[in-house]
Amino acid sequence: MSTGEFQPTPGKVQPVLWFERQVVGALMSPKLDPELRVAVEYYVDQTLQSMPEHLRAGVAAESLAFGASSRLKAALGRLDPAELAARIEGWKTSSIDPIRQYVRLLQSLVLFAEHELVA
């Protein structure tokens, strides 16, 4: 798998939004070397880009909604990565289905990429 620059398909939703990248980074194993982290991010980019438009639009809408406060904190220089990681960890067991499923989707992509790319 190439870790080259991702080229989005014209007319499609951008593959990974800022908050999605933050979630993917938080879900990756801390043991991964930087090169493999880039490869995992690239895999998630490609997979999200290949989703049917109606599914990708839903995931993007969730990312914008769930990430609004984090994006604002980042713009103000107050984003705490540990706090964000703890919030994402809590979302894994949320009683609210869209929140729990959002994290499960991204976590499944991360886990698959980590295991496939290591082999």
PDB file of N, CA and C in Angstrom:
ATOM      1  N   MET A   1       0.847  -1.177   0.000  1.00  0.00           N
ATOM      2  CA  MET A   1       0.000   0.000   0.000  1.00  0.00           C
ATOM      3  C   MET A   1       0.888   1.235   0.000  1.00  0.00           C
ATOM      4  N   SER A   2       0.597   2.135  -0.864  1.00  0.00           N
ATOM      5  CA  SER A   2       1.362   3.368  -0.971  1.00  0.00           C
ATOM      6  C   SER A   2       0.929   4.353   0.091  1.00  0.00           C
ATOM      7  N   THR A   3       1.884   5.098   0.634  1.00  0.00           N
ATOM      8  CA  THR A   3       1.557   6.134   1.608  1.00  0.00           C
ATOM      9  C   THR A   3       1.661   7.501   0.970  1.00  0.00           C
ATOM     10  N   GLY A   4       1.545   7.553  -0.369  1.00  0.00           N
ATOM     11  CA  GLY A   4       1.656   8.809  -1.103  1.00  0.00           C
ATOM     12  C   GLY A   4       0.505   9.748  -0.833  1.00  0.00           C
ATOM     13  N   GLU A   5       0.537  10.883  -1.470  1.00  0.00           N
ATOM     14  CA  GLU A   5      -0.482  11.915  -1.299  1.00  0.00           C
ATOM     15  C   GLU A   5      -1.826  11.415  -1.803  1.00  0.00           C
ATOM     16  N   PHE A   6      -2.858  11.617  -1.012  1.00  0.00           N
ATOM     17  CA  PHE A   6      -4.204  11.189  -1.373  1.00  0.00           C
ATOM     18  C   PHE A   6      -4.829  12.210  -2.299  1.00  0.00           C
ATOM     19  N   GLN A   7      -5.433  11.757  -3.378  1.00  0.00           N
ATOM     20  CA  GLN A   7      -6.114  12.633  -4.333  1.00  0.00           C
ATOM     21  C   GLN A   7      -7.607  12.354  -4.280  1.00  0.00           C
ATOM     22  N   PRO A   8      -8.415  13.273  -3.708  1.00  0.00           N
ATOM     23  CA  PRO A   8      -9.852  13.028  -3.642  1.00  0.00           C
ATOM     24  C   PRO A   8     -10.496  13.032  -5.015  1.00  0.00           C
ATOM     25  N   THR A   9     -11.581  12.288  -5.133  1.00  0.00           N
ATOM     26  CA  THR A   9     -12.346  12.246  -6.370  1.00  0.00           C
ATOM     27  C   THR A   9     -13.152  13.529  -6.484  1.00  0.00           C
ATOM     28  N   PRO A  10     -13.087  14.229  -7.629  1.00  0.00           N
ATOM     29  CA  PRO A  10     -13.872  15.455  -7.784  1.00  0.00           C
ATOM     30  C   PRO A  10     -15.357  15.197  -7.551  1.00  0.00           C
ATOM     31  N   GLY A  11     -16.006  16.133  -6.856  1.00  0.00           N
ATOM     32  CA  GLY A  11     -17.428  16.023  -6.596  1.00  0.00           C
ATOM     33  C   GLY A  11     -17.789  15.137  -5.416  1.00  0.00           C
ATOM     34  N   LYS A  12     -16.807  14.557  -4.753  1.00  0.00           N
ATOM     35  CA  LYS A  12     -17.063  13.692  -3.616  1.00  0.00           C
ATOM     36  C   LYS A  12     -16.777  14.458  -2.327  1.00  0.00           C
ATOM     37  N   VAL A  13     -17.362  13.989  -1.210  1.00  0.00           N
ATOM     38  CA  VAL A  13     -17.079  14.558   0.094  1.00  0.00           C
ATOM     39  C   VAL A  13     -15.598  14.334   0.390  1.00  0.00           C
ATOM     40  N   GLN A  14     -14.940  15.307   0.986  1.00  0.00           N
ATOM     41  CA  GLN A  14     -13.531  15.135   1.325  1.00  0.00           C
ATOM     42  C   GLN A  14     -13.366  13.889   2.191  1.00  0.00           C
ATOM     43  N   PRO A  15     -12.303  13.120   2.000  1.00  0.00           N
ATOM     44  CA  PRO A  15     -12.172  11.814   2.628  1.00  0.00           C
ATOM     45  C   PRO A  15     -12.089  11.834   4.154  1.00  0.00           C
ATOM     46  N   VAL A  16     -11.268  12.666   4.719  1.00  0.00           N
ATOM     47  CA  VAL A  16     -11.128  12.676   6.169  1.00  0.00           C
ATOM     48  C   VAL A  16     -11.158  14.107   6.655  1.00  0.00           C
ATOM     49  N   LEU A  17     -12.083  14.368   7.542  1.00  0.00           N
ATOM     50  CA  LEU A  17     -12.196  15.687   8.141  1.00  0.00           C
ATOM     51  C   LEU A  17     -11.243  15.791   9.327  1.00  0.00           C
ATOM     52  N   TRP A  18     -11.023  16.996   9.800  1.00  0.00           N
ATOM     53  CA  TRP A  18     -10.076  17.226  10.898  1.00  0.00           C
ATOM     54  C   TRP A  18     -10.384  16.324  12.087  1.00  0.00           C
ATOM     55  N   PHE A  19     -11.632  16.295  12.513  1.00  0.00           N
ATOM     56  CA  PHE A  19     -11.974  15.510  13.702  1.00  0.00           C
ATOM     57  C   PHE A  19     -11.802  14.020  13.459  1.00  0.00           C
ATOM     58  N   GLU A  20     -12.113  13.553  12.264  1.00  0.00           N
ATOM     59  CA  GLU A  20     -11.899  12.137  11.958  1.00  0.00           C
ATOM     60  C   GLU A  20     -10.428  11.776  12.100  1.00  0.00           C
ATOM     61  N   ARG A  21      -9.569  12.659  11.657  1.00  0.00           N
ATOM     62  CA  ARG A  21      -8.126  12.412  11.784  1.00  0.00           C
ATOM     63  C   ARG A  21      -7.716  12.359  13.256  1.00  0.00           C
ATOM     64  N   GLN A  22      -8.324  13.200  14.087  1.00  0.00           N
ATOM     65  CA  GLN A  22      -8.027  13.187  15.519  1.00  0.00           C
ATOM     66  C   GLN A  22      -8.487  11.872  16.153  1.00  0.00           C
ATOM     67  N   VAL A  23      -9.670  11.423  15.771  1.00  0.00           N
ATOM     68  CA  VAL A  23     -10.205  10.167  16.310  1.00  0.00           C
ATOM     69  C   VAL A  23      -9.329   8.996  15.869  1.00  0.00           C
ATOM     70  N   VAL A  24      -8.975   8.957  14.607  1.00  0.00           N
ATOM     71  CA  VAL A  24      -8.119   7.881  14.094  1.00  0.00           C
ATOM     72  C   VAL A  24      -6.787   7.877  14.847  1.00  0.00           C
ATOM     73  N   GLY A  25      -6.193   9.045  15.047  1.00  0.00           N
ATOM     74  CA  GLY A  25      -4.935   9.131  15.794  1.00  0.00           C
ATOM     75  C   GLY A  25      -5.076   8.625  17.219  1.00  0.00           C
ATOM     76  N   ALA A  26      -6.207   8.936  17.851  1.00  0.00           N
ATOM     77  CA  ALA A  26      -6.436   8.492  19.232  1.00  0.00           C
ATOM     78  C   ALA A  26      -6.684   6.992  19.313  1.00  0.00           C
ATOM     79  N   LEU A  27      -7.253   6.412  18.265  1.00  0.00           N
ATOM     80  CA  LEU A  27      -7.576   4.984  18.277  1.00  0.00           C
ATOM     81  C   LEU A  27      -6.400   4.094  17.881  1.00  0.00           C
ATOM     82  N   MET A  28      -5.380   4.670  17.256  1.00  0.00           N
ATOM     83  CA  MET A  28      -4.214   3.869  16.841  1.00  0.00           C
ATOM     84  C   MET A  28      -3.399   3.429  18.050  1.00  0.00           C
ATOM     85  N   SER A  29      -2.772   2.292  17.898  1.00  0.00           N
ATOM     86  CA  SER A  29      -1.882   1.792  18.938  1.00  0.00           C
ATOM     87  C   SER A  29      -0.710   2.759  19.115  1.00  0.00           C
ATOM     88  N   PRO A  30      -0.381   3.109  20.353  1.00  0.00           N
ATOM     89  CA  PRO A  30       0.766   4.000  20.576  1.00  0.00           C
ATOM     90  C   PRO A  30       2.108   3.350  20.220  1.00  0.00           C
ATOM     91  N   LYS A  31       2.089   2.041  19.999  1.00  0.00           N
ATOM     92  CA  LYS A  31       3.316   1.314  19.662  1.00  0.00           C
ATOM     93  C   LYS A  31       3.696   1.417  18.189  1.00  0.00           C
ATOM     94  N   LEU A  32       2.802   1.947  17.351  1.00  0.00           N
ATOM     95  CA  LEU A  32       3.082   2.038  15.919  1.00  0.00           C
ATOM     96  C   LEU A  32       4.167   3.072  15.636  1.00  0.00           C
ATOM     97  N   ASP A  33       5.055   2.732  14.711  1.00  0.00           N
ATOM     98  CA  ASP A  33       6.064   3.712  14.318  1.00  0.00           C
ATOM     99  C   ASP A  33       5.418   4.754  13.401  1.00  0.00           C
ATOM    100  N   PRO A  34       6.044   5.920  13.252  1.00  0.00           N
ATOM    101  CA  PRO A  34       5.440   7.005  12.472  1.00  0.00           C
ATOM    102  C   PRO A  34       5.077   6.624  11.038  1.00  0.00           C
ATOM    103  N   GLU A  35       5.895   5.824  10.387  1.00  0.00           N
ATOM    104  CA  GLU A  35       5.610   5.422   9.011  1.00  0.00           C
ATOM    105  C   GLU A  35       4.336   4.580   8.929  1.00  0.00           C
ATOM    106  N   LEU A  36       4.161   3.679   9.875  1.00  0.00           N
ATOM    107  CA  LEU A  36       2.966   2.847   9.892  1.00  0.00           C
ATOM    108  C   LEU A  36       1.734   3.670  10.262  1.00  0.00           C
ATOM    109  N   ARG A  37       1.895   4.669  11.114  1.00  0.00           N
ATOM    110  CA  ARG A  37       0.774   5.555  11.464  1.00  0.00           C
ATOM    111  C   ARG A  37       0.265   6.276  10.209  1.00  0.00           C
ATOM    112  N   VAL A  38       1.199   6.732   9.378  1.00  0.00           N
ATOM    113  CA  VAL A  38       0.814   7.394   8.128  1.00  0.00           C
ATOM    114  C   VAL A  38       0.084   6.416   7.227  1.00  0.00           C
ATOM    115  N   ALA A  39       0.555   5.186   7.167  1.00  0.00           N
ATOM    116  CA  ALA A  39      -0.089   4.174   6.324  1.00  0.00           C
ATOM    117  C   ALA A  39      -1.502   3.864   6.816  1.00  0.00           C
ATOM    118  N   VAL A  40      -1.697   3.812   8.127  1.00  0.00           N
ATOM    119  CA  VAL A  40      -3.026   3.564   8.683  1.00  0.00           C
ATOM    120  C   VAL A  40      -3.951   4.727   8.345  1.00  0.00           C
ATOM    121  N   GLU A  41      -3.476   5.952   8.511  1.00  0.00           N
ATOM    122  CA  GLU A  41      -4.281   7.126   8.157  1.00  0.00           C
ATOM    123  C   GLU A  41      -4.653   7.094   6.676  1.00  0.00           C
ATOM    124  N   TYR A  42      -3.714   6.739   5.842  1.00  0.00           N
ATOM    125  CA  TYR A  42      -3.964   6.663   4.412  1.00  0.00           C
ATOM    126  C   TYR A  42      -5.032   5.611   4.100  1.00  0.00           C
ATOM    127  N   TYR A  43      -4.934   4.458   4.755  1.00  0.00           N
ATOM    128  CA  TYR A  43      -5.924   3.401   4.549  1.00  0.00           C
ATOM    129  C   TYR A  43      -7.319   3.893   4.932  1.00  0.00           C
ATOM    130  N   VAL A  44      -7.425   4.553   6.085  1.00  0.00           N
ATOM    131  CA  VAL A  44      -8.727   5.071   6.513  1.00  0.00           C
ATOM    132  C   VAL A  44      -9.228   6.117   5.514  1.00  0.00           C
ATOM    133  N   ASP A  45      -8.324   6.999   5.037  1.00  0.00           N
ATOM    134  CA  ASP A  45      -8.689   7.975   4.003  1.00  0.00           C
ATOM    135  C   ASP A  45      -9.320   7.272   2.803  1.00  0.00           C
ATOM    136  N   GLN A  46      -8.625   6.266   2.304  1.00  0.00           N
ATOM    137  CA  GLN A  46      -9.066   5.554   1.113  1.00  0.00           C
ATOM    138  C   GLN A  46     -10.396   4.837   1.344  1.00  0.00           C
ATOM    139  N   THR A  47     -10.540   4.230   2.494  1.00  0.00           N
ATOM    140  CA  THR A  47     -11.755   3.488   2.788  1.00  0.00           C
ATOM    141  C   THR A  47     -12.956   4.420   2.914  1.00  0.00           C
ATOM    142  N   LEU A  48     -12.778   5.529   3.609  1.00  0.00           N
ATOM    143  CA  LEU A  48     -13.873   6.489   3.732  1.00  0.00           C
ATOM    144  C   LEU A  48     -14.232   7.073   2.369  1.00  0.00           C
ATOM    145  N   GLN A  49     -13.234   7.326   1.551  1.00  0.00           N
ATOM    146  CA  GLN A  49     -13.478   7.874   0.215  1.00  0.00           C
ATOM    147  C   GLN A  49     -14.264   6.895  -0.655  1.00  0.00           C
ATOM    148  N   SER A  50     -14.061   5.610  -0.446  1.00  0.00           N
ATOM    149  CA  SER A  50     -14.735   4.613  -1.279  1.00  0.00           C
ATOM    150  C   SER A  50     -16.160   4.308  -0.811  1.00  0.00           C
ATOM    151  N   MET A  51     -16.574   4.875   0.309  1.00  0.00           N
ATOM    152  CA  MET A  51     -17.945   4.665   0.793  1.00  0.00           C
ATOM    153  C   MET A  51     -18.943   5.282  -0.188  1.00  0.00           C
ATOM    154  N   PRO A  52     -20.107   4.680  -0.306  1.00  0.00           N
ATOM    155  CA  PRO A  52     -21.155   5.334  -1.102  1.00  0.00           C
ATOM    156  C   PRO A  52     -21.432   6.728  -0.535  1.00  0.00           C
ATOM    157  N   GLU A  53     -21.760   7.645  -1.409  1.00  0.00           N
ATOM    158  CA  GLU A  53     -21.911   9.051  -1.033  1.00  0.00           C
ATOM    159  C   GLU A  53     -22.895   9.262   0.120  1.00  0.00           C
ATOM    160  N   HIS A  54     -24.009   8.549   0.118  1.00  0.00           N
ATOM    161  CA  HIS A  54     -24.995   8.751   1.182  1.00  0.00           C
ATOM    162  C   HIS A  54     -24.472   8.289   2.540  1.00  0.00           C
ATOM    163  N   LEU A  55     -23.648   7.265   2.581  1.00  0.00           N
ATOM    164  CA  LEU A  55     -23.045   6.828   3.837  1.00  0.00           C
ATOM    165  C   LEU A  55     -21.955   7.787   4.289  1.00  0.00           C
ATOM    166  N   ARG A  56     -21.117   8.195   3.330  1.00  0.00           N
ATOM    167  CA  ARG A  56     -20.021   9.114   3.664  1.00  0.00           C
ATOM    168  C   ARG A  56     -20.554  10.435   4.181  1.00  0.00           C
ATOM    169  N   ALA A  57     -21.651  10.912   3.598  1.00  0.00           N
ATOM    170  CA  ALA A  57     -22.240  12.178   4.048  1.00  0.00           C
ATOM    171  C   ALA A  57     -22.715  12.066   5.498  1.00  0.00           C
ATOM    172  N   GLY A  58     -23.273  10.921   5.869  1.00  0.00           N
ATOM    173  CA  GLY A  58     -23.704  10.714   7.253  1.00  0.00           C
ATOM    174  C   GLY A  58     -22.544  10.706   8.225  1.00  0.00           C
ATOM    175  N   VAL A  59     -21.461  10.026   7.858  1.00  0.00           N
ATOM    176  CA  VAL A  59     -20.277   9.985   8.716  1.00  0.00           C
ATOM    177  C   VAL A  59     -19.671  11.385   8.835  1.00  0.00           C
ATOM    178  N   ALA A  60     -19.624  12.116   7.729  1.00  0.00           N
ATOM    179  CA  ALA A  60     -19.087  13.475   7.751  1.00  0.00           C
ATOM    180  C   ALA A  60     -19.936  14.383   8.639  1.00  0.00           C
ATOM    181  N   ALA A  61     -21.254  14.236   8.567  1.00  0.00           N
ATOM    182  CA  ALA A  61     -22.144  15.046   9.414  1.00  0.00           C
ATOM    183  C   ALA A  61     -21.908  14.743  10.890  1.00  0.00           C
ATOM    184  N   GLU A  62     -21.735  13.468  11.221  1.00  0.00           N
ATOM    185  CA  GLU A  62     -21.430  13.104  12.613  1.00  0.00           C
ATOM    186  C   GLU A  62     -20.097  13.698  13.040  1.00  0.00           C
ATOM    187  N   SER A  63     -19.116  13.648  12.165  1.00  0.00           N
ATOM    188  CA  SER A  63     -17.798  14.197  12.489  1.00  0.00           C
ATOM    189  C   SER A  63     -17.874  15.688  12.778  1.00  0.00           C
ATOM    190  N   LEU A  64     -18.644  16.391  11.970  1.00  0.00           N
ATOM    191  CA  LEU A  64     -18.795  17.833  12.187  1.00  0.00           C
ATOM    192  C   LEU A  64     -19.516  18.110  13.500  1.00  0.00           C
ATOM    193  N   ALA A  65     -20.561  17.349  13.790  1.00  0.00           N
ATOM    194  CA  ALA A  65     -21.323  17.563  15.023  1.00  0.00           C
ATOM    195  C   ALA A  65     -20.514  17.169  16.262  1.00  0.00           C
ATOM    196  N   PHE A  66     -19.917  15.971  16.235  1.00  0.00           N
ATOM    197  CA  PHE A  66     -19.193  15.479  17.401  1.00  0.00           C
ATOM    198  C   PHE A  66     -17.889  16.241  17.634  1.00  0.00           C
ATOM    199  N   GLY A  67     -17.321  16.788  16.574  1.00  0.00           N
ATOM    200  CA  GLY A  67     -16.023  17.438  16.685  1.00  0.00           C
ATOM    201  C   GLY A  67     -16.060  18.946  16.821  1.00  0.00           C
ATOM    202  N   ALA A  68     -17.248  19.540  16.843  1.00  0.00           N
ATOM    203  CA  ALA A  68     -17.349  21.006  16.874  1.00  0.00           C
ATOM    204  C   ALA A  68     -16.650  21.613  18.094  1.00  0.00           C
ATOM    205  N   SER A  69     -16.895  21.062  19.269  1.00  0.00           N
ATOM    206  CA  SER A  69     -16.271  21.639  20.471  1.00  0.00           C
ATOM    207  C   SER A  69     -14.758  21.426  20.460  1.00  0.00           C
ATOM    208  N   SER A  70     -14.312  20.280  19.980  1.00  0.00           N
ATOM    209  CA  SER A  70     -12.867  20.018  19.913  1.00  0.00           C
ATOM    210  C   SER A  70     -12.190  20.947  18.918  1.00  0.00           C
ATOM    211  N   ARG A  71     -12.857  21.194  17.806  1.00  0.00           N
ATOM    212  CA  ARG A  71     -12.298  22.092  16.782  1.00  0.00           C
ATOM    213  C   ARG A  71     -12.180  23.507  17.332  1.00  0.00           C
ATOM    214  N   LEU A  72     -13.188  23.940  18.073  1.00  0.00           N
ATOM    215  CA  LEU A  72     -13.155  25.270  18.689  1.00  0.00           C
ATOM    216  C   LEU A  72     -12.021  25.356  19.704  1.00  0.00           C
ATOM    217  N   LYS A  73     -11.876  24.321  20.537  1.00  0.00           N
ATOM    218  CA  LYS A  73     -10.777  24.299  21.512  1.00  0.00           C
ATOM    219  C   LYS A  73      -9.426  24.336  20.804  1.00  0.00           C
ATOM    220  N   ALA A  74      -9.296  23.604  19.708  1.00  0.00           N
ATOM    221  CA  ALA A  74      -8.031  23.600  18.963  1.00  0.00           C
ATOM    222  C   ALA A  74      -7.743  24.986  18.403  1.00  0.00           C
ATOM    223  N   ALA A  75      -8.761  25.656  17.893  1.00  0.00           N
ATOM    224  CA  ALA A  75      -8.580  27.003  17.339  1.00  0.00           C
ATOM    225  C   ALA A  75      -8.147  27.989  18.419  1.00  0.00           C
ATOM    226  N   LEU A  76      -8.592  27.757  19.646  1.00  0.00           N
ATOM    227  CA  LEU A  76      -8.223  28.631  20.766  1.00  0.00           C
ATOM    228  C   LEU A  76      -6.944  28.178  21.464  1.00  0.00           C
ATOM    229  N   GLY A  77      -6.352  27.077  20.981  1.00  0.00           N
ATOM    230  CA  GLY A  77      -5.125  26.553  21.578  1.00  0.00           C
ATOM    231  C   GLY A  77      -5.355  25.847  22.898  1.00  0.00           C
ATOM    232  N   ARG A  78      -6.570  25.350  23.109  1.00  0.00           N
ATOM    233  CA  ARG A  78      -6.915  24.717  24.388  1.00  0.00           C
ATOM    234  C   ARG A  78      -7.276  23.240  24.259  1.00  0.00           C
ATOM    235  N   LEU A  79      -6.961  22.639  23.130  1.00  0.00           N
ATOM    236  CA  LEU A  79      -7.291  21.225  22.936  1.00  0.00           C
ATOM    237  C   LEU A  79      -6.296  20.365  23.709  1.00  0.00           C
ATOM    238  N   ASP A  80      -6.813  19.539  24.583  1.00  0.00           N
ATOM    239  CA  ASP A  80      -5.992  18.613  25.364  1.00  0.00           C
ATOM    240  C   ASP A  80      -6.150  17.219  24.755  1.00  0.00           C
ATOM    241  N   PRO A  81      -5.095  16.696  24.129  1.00  0.00           N
ATOM    242  CA  PRO A  81      -5.195  15.370  23.490  1.00  0.00           C
ATOM    243  C   PRO A  81      -5.620  14.264  24.462  1.00  0.00           C
ATOM    244  N   ALA A  82      -5.190  14.353  25.720  1.00  0.00           N
ATOM    245  CA  ALA A  82      -5.574  13.331  26.700  1.00  0.00           C
ATOM    246  C   ALA A  82      -7.070  13.409  26.999  1.00  0.00           C
ATOM    247  N   GLU A  83      -7.611  14.614  27.077  1.00  0.00           N
ATOM    248  CA  GLU A  83      -9.046  14.792  27.310  1.00  0.00           C
ATOM    249  C   GLU A  83      -9.851  14.261  26.122  1.00  0.00           C
ATOM    250  N   LEU A  84      -9.376  14.546  24.925  1.00  0.00           N
ATOM    251  CA  LEU A  84     -10.039  14.056  23.724  1.00  0.00           C
ATOM    252  C   LEU A  84     -10.010  12.529  23.676  1.00  0.00           C
ATOM    253  N   ALA A  85      -8.868  11.937  23.990  1.00  0.00           N
ATOM    254  CA  ALA A  85      -8.746  10.474  24.002  1.00  0.00           C
ATOM    255  C   ALA A  85      -9.691   9.859  25.030  1.00  0.00           C
ATOM    256  N   ALA A  86      -9.826  10.496  26.190  1.00  0.00           N
ATOM    257  CA  ALA A  86     -10.737   9.991  27.225  1.00  0.00           C
ATOM    258  C   ALA A  86     -12.189  10.099  26.761  1.00  0.00           C
ATOM    259  N   ARG A  87     -12.532  11.185  26.078  1.00  0.00           N
ATOM    260  CA  ARG A  87     -13.892  11.353  25.563  1.00  0.00           C
ATOM    261  C   ARG A  87     -14.196  10.261  24.537  1.00  0.00           C
ATOM    262  N   ILE A  88     -13.254  10.020  23.627  1.00  0.00           N
ATOM    263  CA  ILE A  88     -13.447   8.988  22.599  1.00  0.00           C
ATOM    264  C   ILE A  88     -13.583   7.617  23.248  1.00  0.00           C
ATOM    265  N   GLU A  89     -12.793   7.357  24.268  1.00  0.00           N
ATOM    266  CA  GLU A  89     -12.874   6.084  24.992  1.00  0.00           C
ATOM    267  C   GLU A  89     -14.262   5.907  25.601  1.00  0.00           C
ATOM    268  N   GLY A  90     -14.813   6.976  26.149  1.00  0.00           N
ATOM    269  CA  GLY A  90     -16.155   6.916  26.712  1.00  0.00           C
ATOM    270  C   GLY A  90     -17.230   6.701  25.666  1.00  0.00           C
ATOM    271  N   TRP A  91     -17.007   7.240  24.479  1.00  0.00           N
ATOM    272  CA  TRP A  91     -17.976   7.073  23.398  1.00  0.00           C
ATOM    273  C   TRP A  91     -18.094   5.622  22.958  1.00  0.00           C
ATOM    274  N   LYS A  92     -17.059   4.833  23.187  1.00  0.00           N
ATOM    275  CA  LYS A  92     -17.100   3.422  22.779  1.00  0.00           C
ATOM    276  C   LYS A  92     -18.237   2.664  23.456  1.00  0.00           C
ATOM    277  N   THR A  93     -18.631   3.089  24.638  1.00  0.00           N
ATOM    278  CA  THR A  93     -19.685   2.405  25.378  1.00  0.00           C
ATOM    279  C   THR A  93     -20.908   3.307  25.588  1.00  0.00           C
ATOM    280  N   SER A  94     -21.035   4.337  24.790  1.00  0.00           N
ATOM    281  CA  SER A  94     -22.154   5.263  24.908  1.00  0.00           C
ATOM    282  C   SER A  94     -23.484   4.538  24.701  1.00  0.00           C
ATOM    283  N   SER A  95     -24.495   4.972  25.442  1.00  0.00           N
ATOM    284  CA  SER A  95     -25.828   4.398  25.261  1.00  0.00           C
ATOM    285  C   SER A  95     -26.530   4.998  24.046  1.00  0.00           C
ATOM    286  N   ILE A  96     -25.924   6.016  23.446  1.00  0.00           N
ATOM    287  CA  ILE A  96     -26.482   6.658  22.260  1.00  0.00           C
ATOM    288  C   ILE A  96     -25.876   5.985  21.025  1.00  0.00           C
ATOM    289  N   ASP A  97     -26.707   5.272  20.288  1.00  0.00           N
ATOM    290  CA  ASP A  97     -26.232   4.456  19.164  1.00  0.00           C
ATOM    291  C   ASP A  97     -25.358   5.199  18.148  1.00  0.00           C
ATOM    292  N   PRO A  98     -25.764   6.369  17.634  1.00  0.00           N
ATOM    293  CA  PRO A  98     -24.920   7.019  16.622  1.00  0.00           C
ATOM    294  C   PRO A  98     -23.510   7.349  17.120  1.00  0.00           C
ATOM    295  N   ILE A  99     -23.386   7.690  18.384  1.00  0.00           N
ATOM    296  CA  ILE A  99     -22.058   7.993  18.940  1.00  0.00           C
ATOM    297  C   ILE A  99     -21.222   6.720  19.014  1.00  0.00           C
ATOM    298  N   ARG A 100     -21.816   5.677  19.582  1.00  0.00           N
ATOM    299  CA  ARG A 100     -21.094   4.404  19.727  1.00  0.00           C
ATOM    300  C   ARG A 100     -20.715   3.831  18.364  1.00  0.00           C
ATOM    301  N   GLN A 101     -21.642   3.872  17.395  1.00  0.00           N
ATOM    302  CA  GLN A 101     -21.377   3.322  16.080  1.00  0.00           C
ATOM    303  C   GLN A 101     -20.330   4.126  15.310  1.00  0.00           C
ATOM    304  N   TYR A 102     -20.306   5.435  15.534  1.00  0.00           N
ATOM    305  CA  TYR A 102     -19.297   6.294  14.896  1.00  0.00           C
ATOM    306  C   TYR A 102     -17.889   5.837  15.298  1.00  0.00           C
ATOM    307  N   VAL A 103     -17.684   5.652  16.587  1.00  0.00           N
ATOM    308  CA  VAL A 103     -16.365   5.217  17.063  1.00  0.00           C
ATOM    309  C   VAL A 103     -16.071   3.802  16.587  1.00  0.00           C
ATOM    310  N   ARG A 104     -17.060   2.939  16.599  1.00  0.00           N
ATOM    311  CA  ARG A 104     -16.844   1.561  16.140  1.00  0.00           C
ATOM    312  C   ARG A 104     -16.427   1.510  14.676  1.00  0.00           C
ATOM    313  N   LEU A 105     -17.051   2.341  13.855  1.00  0.00           N
ATOM    314  CA  LEU A 105     -16.678   2.385  12.438  1.00  0.00           C
ATOM    315  C   LEU A 105     -15.208   2.746  12.279  1.00  0.00           C
ATOM    316  N   LEU A 106     -14.807   3.845  12.895  1.00  0.00           N
ATOM    317  CA  LEU A 106     -13.416   4.285  12.734  1.00  0.00           C
ATOM    318  C   LEU A 106     -12.448   3.319  13.406  1.00  0.00           C
ATOM    319  N   GLN A 107     -12.831   2.766  14.559  1.00  0.00           N
ATOM    320  CA  GLN A 107     -11.950   1.818  15.232  1.00  0.00           C
ATOM    321  C   GLN A 107     -11.777   0.546  14.397  1.00  0.00           C
ATOM    322  N   SER A 108     -12.824   0.088  13.755  1.00  0.00           N
ATOM    323  CA  SER A 108     -12.698  -1.122  12.934  1.00  0.00           C
ATOM    324  C   SER A 108     -11.759  -0.875  11.757  1.00  0.00           C
ATOM    325  N   LEU A 109     -11.826   0.310  11.162  1.00  0.00           N
ATOM    326  CA  LEU A 109     -10.916   0.634  10.059  1.00  0.00           C
ATOM    327  C   LEU A 109      -9.476   0.698  10.546  1.00  0.00           C
ATOM    328  N   VAL A 110      -9.271   1.311  11.705  1.00  0.00           N
ATOM    329  CA  VAL A 110      -7.924   1.416  12.269  1.00  0.00           C
ATOM    330  C   VAL A 110      -7.371   0.038  12.596  1.00  0.00           C
ATOM    331  N   LEU A 111      -8.155  -0.786  13.282  1.00  0.00           N
ATOM    332  CA  LEU A 111      -7.681  -2.125  13.661  1.00  0.00           C
ATOM    333  C   LEU A 111      -7.359  -2.974  12.433  1.00  0.00           C
ATOM    334  N   PHE A 112      -8.232  -2.921  11.440  1.00  0.00           N
ATOM    335  CA  PHE A 112      -7.980  -3.697  10.229  1.00  0.00           C
ATOM    336  C   PHE A 112      -6.674  -3.248   9.584  1.00  0.00           C
ATOM    337  N   ALA A 113      -6.499  -1.946   9.445  1.00  0.00           N
ATOM    338  CA  ALA A 113      -5.276  -1.424   8.812  1.00  0.00           C
ATOM    339  C   ALA A 113      -4.038  -1.790   9.616  1.00  0.00           C
ATOM    340  N   GLU A 114      -4.104  -1.661  10.925  1.00  0.00           N
ATOM    341  CA  GLU A 114      -2.948  -2.001  11.746  1.00  0.00           C
ATOM    342  C   GLU A 114      -2.534  -3.456  11.553  1.00  0.00           C
ATOM    343  N   HIS A 115      -3.499  -4.344  11.536  1.00  0.00           N
ATOM    344  CA  HIS A 115      -3.181  -5.776  11.407  1.00  0.00           C
ATOM    345  C   HIS A 115      -2.785  -6.155   9.990  1.00  0.00           C
ATOM    346  N   GLU A 116      -3.404  -5.576   8.995  1.00  0.00           N
ATOM    347  CA  GLU A 116      -3.069  -5.895   7.613  1.00  0.00           C
ATOM    348  C   GLU A 116      -1.729  -5.311   7.201  1.00  0.00           C
ATOM    349  N   LEU A 117      -1.436  -4.102   7.653  1.00  0.00           N
ATOM    350  CA  LEU A 117      -0.204  -3.434   7.235  1.00  0.00           C
ATOM    351  C   LEU A 117       1.021  -3.985   7.959  1.00  0.00           C
ATOM    352  N   VAL A 118       0.836  -4.493   9.158  1.00  0.00           N
ATOM    353  CA  VAL A 118       1.960  -5.072   9.899  1.00  0.00           C
ATOM    354  C   VAL A 118       2.402  -6.370   9.239  1.00  0.00           C
ATOM    355  N   ALA A 119       1.415  -7.162   8.789  1.00  0.00           N
ATOM    356  CA  ALA A 119       1.728  -8.436   8.150  1.00  0.00           C
ATOM    357  C   ALA A 119       2.403  -8.169   6.826  1.00  0.00           C
TER     358      ALA A 119
END
